C-alpha atoms as a PDB file:
ATOM      1  CA  MET A   1     -26.630-104.289  68.409  1.00  0.00           C
ATOM      2  CA  ILE A   2     -27.360-107.701  66.894  1.00  0.00           C
ATOM      3  CA  THR A   3     -30.610-108.155  65.024  1.00  0.00           C
ATOM      4  CA  MET A   4     -32.199-111.583  64.628  1.00  0.00           C
ATOM      5  CA  SER A   5     -35.516-112.790  63.344  1.00  0.00           C
ATOM      6  CA  LEU A   6     -37.804-114.838  65.559  1.00  0.00           C
ATOM      7  CA  ALA A   7     -37.054-117.982  63.539  1.00  0.00           C
ATOM      8  CA  GLU A   8     -33.319-117.556  64.139  1.00  0.00           C
ATOM      9  CA  ILE A   9     -33.870-117.109  67.865  1.00  0.00           C
ATOM     10  CA  ALA A  10     -35.843-120.365  68.052  1.00  0.00           C
ATOM     11  CA  THR A  11     -33.122-122.217  66.118  1.00  0.00           C
ATOM     12  CA  LEU A  12     -30.396-120.778  68.309  1.00  0.00           C
ATOM     13  CA  GLY A  13     -32.238-121.870  71.460  1.00  0.00           C
ATOM     14  CA  THR A  14     -32.573-125.397  70.093  1.00  0.00           C
ATOM     15  CA  GLN A  15     -28.856-125.561  69.276  1.00  0.00           C
ATOM     16  CA  ILE A  16     -27.890-124.340  72.743  1.00  0.00           C
ATOM     17  CA  ALA A  17     -30.253-126.804  74.441  1.00  0.00           C
ATOM     18  CA  THR A  18     -28.952-129.690  72.329  1.00  0.00           C
ATOM     19  CA  HIS A  19     -25.337-128.820  73.079  1.00  0.00           C
ATOM     20  CA  GLY A  20     -26.113-128.561  76.800  1.00  0.00           C
ATOM     21  CA  ALA A  21     -27.879-131.923  76.837  1.00  0.00           C
ATOM     22  CA  ILE A  22     -24.998-133.634  75.041  1.00  0.00           C
ATOM     23  CA  ARG A  23     -22.442-132.110  77.385  1.00  0.00           C
ATOM     24  CA  ALA A  24     -24.488-133.100  80.442  1.00  0.00           C
ATOM     25  CA  SER A  25     -24.692-136.696  79.246  1.00  0.00           C
ATOM     26  CA  GLU A  26     -20.915-136.771  78.741  1.00  0.00           C
ATOM     27  CA  MET A  27     -20.381-135.512  82.273  1.00  0.00           C
ATOM     28  CA  VAL A  28     -22.815-138.041  83.732  1.00  0.00           C
ATOM     29  CA  SER A  29     -21.105-140.970  82.003  1.00  0.00           C
ATOM     30  CA  ASP A  30     -17.706-139.785  83.282  1.00  0.00           C
ATOM     31  CA  ASP A  31     -19.100-139.483  86.805  1.00  0.00           C
ATOM     32  CA  ILE A  32     -20.628-142.976  86.647  1.00  0.00           C
ATOM     33  CA  PHE A  33     -17.308-144.457  85.477  1.00  0.00           C
ATOM     34  CA  GLU A  34     -15.403-142.708  88.283  1.00  0.00           C
ATOM     35  CA  LEU A  35     -17.982-143.906  90.814  1.00  0.00           C
ATOM     36  CA  MET A  36     -17.616-147.520  89.618  1.00  0.00           C
ATOM     37  CA  ILE A  37     -13.826-147.310  89.953  1.00  0.00           C
ATOM     38  CA  ALA A  38     -14.126-145.813  93.439  1.00  0.00           C
ATOM     39  CA  ILE A  39     -16.477-148.611  94.532  1.00  0.00           C
ATOM     40  CA  ALA A  40     -14.118-151.249  93.105  1.00  0.00           C
ATOM     41  CA  ILE A  41     -11.184-149.725  95.029  1.00  0.00           C
ATOM     42  CA  LEU A  42     -13.254-149.565  98.217  1.00  0.00           C
ATOM     43  CA  VAL A  43     -14.272-153.228  97.909  1.00  0.00           C
ATOM     44  CA  TYR A  44     -10.675-154.257  97.185  1.00  0.00           C
ATOM     45  CA  GLU A  45      -9.345-152.330 100.196  1.00  0.00           C
ATOM     46  CA  THR A  46     -11.973-153.617 102.637  1.00  0.00           C
ATOM     47  CA  TYR A  47     -12.171-157.267 101.511  1.00  0.00           C
ATOM     48  CA  PRO A  48     -10.141-159.367 103.964  1.00  0.00           C
ATOM     49  CA  GLY A  49      -7.222-161.311 102.608  1.00  0.00           C
ATOM     50  CA  THR A  50      -6.624-159.455  99.352  1.00  0.00           C
ATOM     51  CA  ASN A  51      -4.197-156.765 100.446  1.00  0.00           C
ATOM     52  CA  GLN A  52      -1.540-158.596 102.433  1.00  0.00           C
END
């Protein structure tokens, strides 16, 4: 069994929360970029006269 002091548990929780927040922000920025590209493709495909 692993033994940890209360101070180590608090530090570990902070590290896990920080890592999760950073990873979530990376995922959100990737999703926003993909959404912008999808909108640009949709506008290009539906705008009359550009895809002849």
